[in-house]
Amino acid sequence: PAAKPVKGTILVVDDQHSLRILIRRLLTDEGYAVIEFSNGNEVLQHITMKKENPTAIFLDVMMPGMHGLEACRRLRTMPGCDKIPVIMCTGRGQKQDILEALQAGASDYIVKPFNREILLGKLGKVLGTPS
């Protein structure tokens, strides 16, 4: 059978390797290409080096080195990157945490632990496609 066309490229940024694997499996099953990073510095370097922007980014908040809020803020100042959907993924679910992420430029927010329906629903929402 012919390979299905790729829907887009999603960047997954989380210092927890097992979570990156889980998200990658969910997204590749849905037809997305996935590139993984373990911190904010890595993903910003990747976006700076690449000529095309990703379809969306799943970004952890609490990571060593540059945390997700700072990475999101910096991403929003990079030319052409202000419209990339960024979904923050974190174990912190207080109203203040969500507000900080949105103020940093996040498009949406997922509290860990989450399931497949939540992940794909949030992605569909920020991309404007049904999940």
N, C-alpha and C. Protein backbone atom coordinates (compact mmCIF):
# COMPACT_ATOMS: atom_id res chain seq x y z
N PRO A 1 0.83 -1.20 0.00
CA PRO A 1 0.00 0.00 0.00
C PRO A 1 0.86 1.25 0.00
N ALA A 2 0.36 2.29 -0.63
CA ALA A 2 1.09 3.56 -0.68
C ALA A 2 1.09 4.21 0.70
N ALA A 3 2.17 4.89 1.00
CA ALA A 3 2.26 5.58 2.29
C ALA A 3 1.26 6.73 2.32
N LYS A 4 0.65 6.92 3.49
CA LYS A 4 -0.29 8.03 3.64
C LYS A 4 0.49 9.34 3.61
N PRO A 5 -0.08 10.39 3.02
CA PRO A 5 0.62 11.68 3.05
C PRO A 5 0.70 12.19 4.49
N VAL A 6 1.80 12.84 4.79
CA VAL A 6 2.01 13.38 6.13
C VAL A 6 1.16 14.64 6.29
N LYS A 7 0.43 14.72 7.40
CA LYS A 7 -0.44 15.88 7.66
C LYS A 7 0.35 17.12 8.02
N GLY A 8 1.54 16.92 8.55
CA GLY A 8 2.37 18.04 8.98
C GLY A 8 3.43 17.55 9.94
N THR A 9 4.28 18.45 10.38
CA THR A 9 5.36 18.12 11.31
C THR A 9 5.08 18.75 12.66
N ILE A 10 5.10 17.93 13.69
CA ILE A 10 4.86 18.39 15.06
C ILE A 10 6.18 18.26 15.83
N LEU A 11 6.56 19.32 16.53
CA LEU A 11 7.73 19.27 17.40
C LEU A 11 7.25 18.96 18.81
N VAL A 12 7.88 17.98 19.44
CA VAL A 12 7.54 17.59 20.80
C VAL A 12 8.74 17.88 21.68
N VAL A 13 8.54 18.78 22.66
CA VAL A 13 9.64 19.23 23.50
C VAL A 13 9.32 18.88 24.95
N ASP A 14 10.04 17.89 25.50
CA ASP A 14 9.81 17.46 26.88
C ASP A 14 11.07 16.77 27.36
N ASP A 15 11.48 17.02 28.60
CA ASP A 15 12.69 16.37 29.11
C ASP A 15 12.43 14.92 29.50
N GLN A 16 11.18 14.49 29.52
CA GLN A 16 10.83 13.12 29.89
C GLN A 16 10.73 12.27 28.62
N HIS A 17 11.73 11.42 28.42
CA HIS A 17 11.81 10.61 27.20
C HIS A 17 10.57 9.75 26.99
N SER A 18 10.06 9.12 28.04
CA SER A 18 8.90 8.24 27.91
C SER A 18 7.67 9.00 27.43
N LEU A 19 7.52 10.24 27.85
CA LEU A 19 6.38 11.04 27.40
C LEU A 19 6.54 11.43 25.93
N ARG A 20 7.76 11.75 25.52
CA ARG A 20 8.00 12.06 24.11
C ARG A 20 7.63 10.85 23.24
N ILE A 21 7.98 9.65 23.68
CA ILE A 21 7.65 8.44 22.92
C ILE A 21 6.14 8.27 22.82
N LEU A 22 5.44 8.46 23.93
CA LEU A 22 3.98 8.33 23.94
C LEU A 22 3.33 9.32 22.97
N ILE A 23 3.73 10.59 23.07
CA ILE A 23 3.15 11.61 22.18
C ILE A 23 3.49 11.31 20.73
N ARG A 24 4.73 10.90 20.48
CA ARG A 24 5.13 10.57 19.11
C ARG A 24 4.25 9.46 18.54
N ARG A 25 4.01 8.41 19.33
CA ARG A 25 3.17 7.30 18.85
C ARG A 25 1.76 7.78 18.52
N LEU A 26 1.18 8.59 19.40
CA LEU A 26 -0.18 9.09 19.16
C LEU A 26 -0.23 9.93 17.89
N LEU A 27 0.76 10.78 17.71
CA LEU A 27 0.75 11.68 16.55
C LEU A 27 1.09 10.97 15.24
N THR A 28 2.04 10.03 15.27
CA THR A 28 2.38 9.32 14.04
C THR A 28 1.21 8.43 13.61
N ASP A 29 0.48 7.88 14.58
CA ASP A 29 -0.72 7.09 14.24
C ASP A 29 -1.75 7.95 13.51
N GLU A 30 -1.73 9.24 13.75
CA GLU A 30 -2.68 10.17 13.12
C GLU A 30 -2.14 10.76 11.82
N GLY A 31 -0.92 10.36 11.43
CA GLY A 31 -0.38 10.81 10.15
C GLY A 31 0.56 12.00 10.21
N TYR A 32 1.03 12.35 11.41
CA TYR A 32 1.97 13.47 11.54
C TYR A 32 3.41 12.95 11.63
N ALA A 33 4.33 13.74 11.12
CA ALA A 33 5.75 13.51 11.35
C ALA A 33 6.08 14.18 12.68
N VAL A 34 6.95 13.58 13.47
CA VAL A 34 7.28 14.12 14.79
C VAL A 34 8.79 14.25 14.93
N ILE A 35 9.22 15.40 15.46
CA ILE A 35 10.63 15.61 15.79
C ILE A 35 10.67 15.93 17.28
N GLU A 36 11.55 15.22 18.01
CA GLU A 36 11.59 15.36 19.47
C GLU A 36 12.80 16.17 19.93
N PHE A 37 12.58 16.91 21.03
CA PHE A 37 13.64 17.68 21.69
C PHE A 37 13.47 17.54 23.19
N SER A 38 14.58 17.67 23.93
CA SER A 38 14.50 17.50 25.38
C SER A 38 14.52 18.82 26.15
N ASN A 39 14.69 19.96 25.45
CA ASN A 39 14.63 21.25 26.16
C ASN A 39 14.36 22.40 25.18
N GLY A 40 14.10 23.56 25.75
CA GLY A 40 13.75 24.74 24.96
C GLY A 40 14.86 25.22 24.04
N ASN A 41 16.11 25.13 24.50
CA ASN A 41 17.23 25.57 23.65
C ASN A 41 17.29 24.76 22.36
N GLU A 42 17.12 23.44 22.47
CA GLU A 42 17.20 22.57 21.30
C GLU A 42 16.14 22.93 20.25
N VAL A 43 14.92 23.15 20.70
CA VAL A 43 13.85 23.42 19.73
C VAL A 43 14.04 24.78 19.07
N LEU A 44 14.50 25.78 19.83
CA LEU A 44 14.73 27.10 19.22
C LEU A 44 15.87 27.04 18.21
N GLN A 45 16.92 26.27 18.52
CA GLN A 45 18.02 26.10 17.55
C GLN A 45 17.51 25.43 16.29
N HIS A 46 16.67 24.41 16.44
CA HIS A 46 16.12 23.70 15.29
C HIS A 46 15.31 24.65 14.40
N ILE A 47 14.45 25.43 15.01
CA ILE A 47 13.59 26.34 14.24
C ILE A 47 14.43 27.41 13.54
N THR A 48 15.49 27.86 14.21
CA THR A 48 16.39 28.84 13.61
C THR A 48 17.10 28.26 12.39
N MET A 49 17.49 26.98 12.44
CA MET A 49 18.24 26.35 11.37
C MET A 49 17.36 25.92 10.19
N LYS A 50 16.12 25.54 10.47
CA LYS A 50 15.23 25.04 9.42
C LYS A 50 14.62 26.20 8.65
N LYS A 51 14.26 25.93 7.41
CA LYS A 51 13.65 26.98 6.60
C LYS A 51 12.13 26.96 6.69
N GLU A 52 11.55 25.79 7.02
CA GLU A 52 10.09 25.72 7.12
C GLU A 52 9.68 25.59 8.59
N ASN A 53 8.51 26.12 8.89
CA ASN A 53 8.03 26.06 10.26
C ASN A 53 7.22 24.79 10.49
N PRO A 54 7.22 24.31 11.72
CA PRO A 54 6.42 23.13 12.04
C PRO A 54 4.92 23.46 12.01
N THR A 55 4.11 22.42 11.94
CA THR A 55 2.66 22.57 11.96
C THR A 55 2.21 23.03 13.34
N ALA A 56 2.84 22.46 14.39
CA ALA A 56 2.52 22.81 15.77
C ALA A 56 3.65 22.33 16.67
N ILE A 57 3.63 22.82 17.93
CA ILE A 57 4.64 22.43 18.91
C ILE A 57 3.94 22.06 20.21
N PHE A 58 4.30 20.89 20.75
CA PHE A 58 3.91 20.52 22.12
C PHE A 58 5.12 20.84 22.98
N LEU A 59 4.93 21.68 23.99
CA LEU A 59 6.06 22.23 24.76
C LEU A 59 5.82 22.05 26.25
N ASP A 60 6.71 21.29 26.89
CA ASP A 60 6.66 21.11 28.34
C ASP A 60 7.03 22.43 29.00
N VAL A 61 6.53 22.67 30.22
CA VAL A 61 6.89 23.89 30.93
C VAL A 61 8.16 23.69 31.73
N MET A 62 8.20 22.68 32.58
CA MET A 62 9.33 22.49 33.49
C MET A 62 10.37 21.56 32.88
N MET A 63 11.48 22.17 32.42
CA MET A 63 12.58 21.42 31.82
C MET A 63 13.89 22.04 32.29
N PRO A 64 14.97 21.24 32.30
CA PRO A 64 16.28 21.83 32.64
C PRO A 64 16.72 22.78 31.53
N GLY A 65 17.60 23.69 31.87
CA GLY A 65 18.04 24.68 30.88
C GLY A 65 16.92 25.69 30.68
N MET A 66 16.50 25.87 29.45
CA MET A 66 15.43 26.83 29.18
C MET A 66 14.07 26.16 29.36
N HIS A 67 13.26 26.69 30.26
CA HIS A 67 11.93 26.12 30.47
C HIS A 67 10.99 26.54 29.35
N GLY A 68 9.84 25.89 29.30
CA GLY A 68 8.92 26.07 28.19
C GLY A 68 8.34 27.47 28.05
N LEU A 69 8.08 28.14 29.16
CA LEU A 69 7.51 29.49 29.07
C LEU A 69 8.48 30.44 28.37
N GLU A 70 9.76 30.35 28.72
CA GLU A 70 10.77 31.20 28.09
C GLU A 70 10.94 30.83 26.62
N ALA A 71 10.94 29.54 26.33
CA ALA A 71 11.06 29.10 24.93
C ALA A 71 9.88 29.63 24.11
N CYS A 72 8.69 29.59 24.68
CA CYS A 72 7.49 30.09 23.98
C CYS A 72 7.60 31.59 23.73
N ARG A 73 8.03 32.33 24.75
CA ARG A 73 8.20 33.78 24.58
C ARG A 73 9.19 34.11 23.47
N ARG A 74 10.32 33.40 23.48
CA ARG A 74 11.34 33.64 22.46
C ARG A 74 10.85 33.26 21.07
N LEU A 75 10.14 32.15 21.00
CA LEU A 75 9.58 31.70 19.72
C LEU A 75 8.67 32.78 19.14
N ARG A 76 7.87 33.39 19.97
CA ARG A 76 6.91 34.39 19.51
C ARG A 76 7.59 35.65 18.96
N THR A 77 8.87 35.87 19.30
CA THR A 77 9.60 37.04 18.79
C THR A 77 10.38 36.71 17.52
N MET A 78 10.45 35.43 17.14
CA MET A 78 11.21 35.03 15.95
C MET A 78 10.40 35.31 14.69
N PRO A 79 11.04 35.82 13.63
CA PRO A 79 10.32 36.13 12.39
C PRO A 79 9.56 34.91 11.85
N GLY A 80 8.27 35.10 11.57
CA GLY A 80 7.44 34.05 11.00
C GLY A 80 6.95 32.99 11.97
N CYS A 81 7.33 33.10 13.24
CA CYS A 81 6.97 32.07 14.21
C CYS A 81 5.82 32.46 15.12
N ASP A 82 5.28 33.65 14.93
CA ASP A 82 4.23 34.12 15.84
C ASP A 82 2.91 33.37 15.65
N LYS A 83 2.74 32.68 14.52
CA LYS A 83 1.48 32.00 14.25
C LYS A 83 1.55 30.48 14.46
N ILE A 84 2.73 29.94 14.79
CA ILE A 84 2.84 28.50 15.01
C ILE A 84 2.05 28.14 16.27
N PRO A 85 1.10 27.21 16.18
CA PRO A 85 0.37 26.81 17.39
C PRO A 85 1.31 26.14 18.39
N VAL A 86 1.28 26.62 19.63
CA VAL A 86 2.09 26.04 20.70
C VAL A 86 1.14 25.57 21.80
N ILE A 87 1.20 24.28 22.09
CA ILE A 87 0.39 23.71 23.16
C ILE A 87 1.32 23.37 24.31
N MET A 88 1.15 24.04 25.43
CA MET A 88 1.96 23.77 26.61
C MET A 88 1.45 22.49 27.26
N CYS A 89 2.37 21.61 27.66
CA CYS A 89 2.04 20.36 28.34
C CYS A 89 2.76 20.35 29.67
N THR A 90 2.02 20.30 30.76
CA THR A 90 2.68 20.36 32.06
C THR A 90 1.84 19.70 33.14
N GLY A 91 2.50 19.36 34.22
CA GLY A 91 1.80 18.81 35.37
C GLY A 91 1.17 19.90 36.23
N ARG A 92 1.47 21.14 35.92
CA ARG A 92 0.95 22.26 36.70
C ARG A 92 -0.37 22.74 36.09
N GLY A 93 -1.45 22.61 36.85
CA GLY A 93 -2.76 22.93 36.30
C GLY A 93 -3.53 24.01 37.02
N GLN A 94 -2.85 24.81 37.84
CA GLN A 94 -3.53 25.91 38.52
C GLN A 94 -3.86 27.01 37.52
N LYS A 95 -4.89 27.78 37.85
CA LYS A 95 -5.32 28.87 36.96
C LYS A 95 -4.15 29.81 36.63
N GLN A 96 -3.32 30.12 37.62
CA GLN A 96 -2.18 31.01 37.42
C GLN A 96 -1.17 30.42 36.42
N ASP A 97 -0.96 29.10 36.50
CA ASP A 97 -0.03 28.44 35.57
C ASP A 97 -0.54 28.56 34.13
N ILE A 98 -1.83 28.34 33.95
CA ILE A 98 -2.44 28.42 32.62
C ILE A 98 -2.35 29.85 32.09
N LEU A 99 -2.64 30.80 32.96
CA LEU A 99 -2.58 32.22 32.58
C LEU A 99 -1.16 32.60 32.15
N GLU A 100 -0.15 32.16 32.90
CA GLU A 100 1.25 32.46 32.55
C GLU A 100 1.60 31.90 31.17
N ALA A 101 1.13 30.68 30.89
CA ALA A 101 1.42 30.07 29.59
C ALA A 101 0.76 30.85 28.46
N LEU A 102 -0.47 31.24 28.65
CA LEU A 102 -1.17 32.00 27.61
C LEU A 102 -0.52 33.37 27.42
N GLN A 103 -0.08 33.99 28.52
CA GLN A 103 0.59 35.29 28.42
C GLN A 103 1.95 35.15 27.72
N ALA A 104 2.57 33.98 27.83
CA ALA A 104 3.86 33.74 27.16
C ALA A 104 3.67 33.48 25.66
N GLY A 105 2.41 33.31 25.24
CA GLY A 105 2.13 33.12 23.82
C GLY A 105 1.60 31.75 23.45
N ALA A 106 1.32 30.89 24.44
CA ALA A 106 0.79 29.56 24.14
C ALA A 106 -0.59 29.66 23.51
N SER A 107 -0.87 28.75 22.59
CA SER A 107 -2.17 28.69 21.93
C SER A 107 -3.18 27.91 22.77
N ASP A 108 -2.69 26.93 23.51
CA ASP A 108 -3.54 26.11 24.37
C ASP A 108 -2.67 25.44 25.42
N TYR A 109 -3.30 24.62 26.27
CA TYR A 109 -2.66 24.12 27.47
C TYR A 109 -3.21 22.73 27.79
N ILE A 110 -2.34 21.77 28.05
CA ILE A 110 -2.75 20.43 28.47
C ILE A 110 -2.09 20.14 29.80
N VAL A 111 -2.89 19.64 30.76
CA VAL A 111 -2.36 19.25 32.06
C VAL A 111 -2.07 17.74 32.03
N LYS A 112 -0.84 17.38 32.43
CA LYS A 112 -0.46 15.96 32.55
C LYS A 112 -1.09 15.39 33.82
N PRO A 113 -1.46 14.14 33.84
CA PRO A 113 -1.49 13.21 32.71
C PRO A 113 -2.70 13.49 31.81
N PHE A 114 -2.55 13.19 30.55
CA PHE A 114 -3.64 13.41 29.60
C PHE A 114 -3.82 12.14 28.78
N ASN A 115 -4.90 12.06 28.03
CA ASN A 115 -5.13 10.88 27.19
C ASN A 115 -5.12 11.27 25.71
N ARG A 116 -5.26 10.29 24.87
CA ARG A 116 -5.23 10.48 23.42
C ARG A 116 -6.27 11.49 22.95
N GLU A 117 -7.49 11.38 23.46
CA GLU A 117 -8.58 12.27 23.04
C GLU A 117 -8.27 13.72 23.37
N ILE A 118 -7.71 13.97 24.54
CA ILE A 118 -7.37 15.34 24.93
C ILE A 118 -6.26 15.87 24.02
N LEU A 119 -5.22 15.08 23.82
CA LEU A 119 -4.09 15.51 22.99
C LEU A 119 -4.56 15.84 21.57
N LEU A 120 -5.29 14.92 20.96
CA LEU A 120 -5.72 15.13 19.57
C LEU A 120 -6.80 16.21 19.48
N GLY A 121 -7.64 16.31 20.50
CA GLY A 121 -8.67 17.36 20.51
C GLY A 121 -8.04 18.75 20.56
N LYS A 122 -7.04 18.93 21.42
CA LYS A 122 -6.36 20.23 21.52
C LYS A 122 -5.61 20.55 20.23
N LEU A 123 -4.99 19.54 19.63
CA LEU A 123 -4.27 19.76 18.38
C LEU A 123 -5.26 20.16 17.28
N GLY A 124 -6.36 19.45 17.19
CA GLY A 124 -7.38 19.80 16.19
C GLY A 124 -7.91 21.19 16.39
N LYS A 125 -8.07 21.59 17.66
CA LYS A 125 -8.58 22.93 17.96
C LYS A 125 -7.62 24.01 17.48
N VAL A 126 -6.33 23.88 17.79
CA VAL A 126 -5.38 24.92 17.41
C VAL A 126 -5.11 24.93 15.90
N LEU A 127 -5.29 23.79 15.25
CA LEU A 127 -5.08 23.72 13.80
C LEU A 127 -6.34 24.02 13.02
N GLY A 128 -7.47 24.09 13.73
CA GLY A 128 -8.73 24.36 13.06
C GLY A 128 -9.24 23.19 12.26
N THR A 129 -8.86 21.97 12.69
CA THR A 129 -9.32 20.76 12.03
C THR A 129 -10.04 19.87 13.03
N PRO A 130 -11.07 19.16 12.62
CA PRO A 130 -11.75 18.27 13.56
C PRO A 130 -10.80 17.16 14.02
N SER A 131 -10.91 16.76 15.27
CA SER A 131 -10.01 15.72 15.79
C SER A 131 -10.52 14.34 15.46
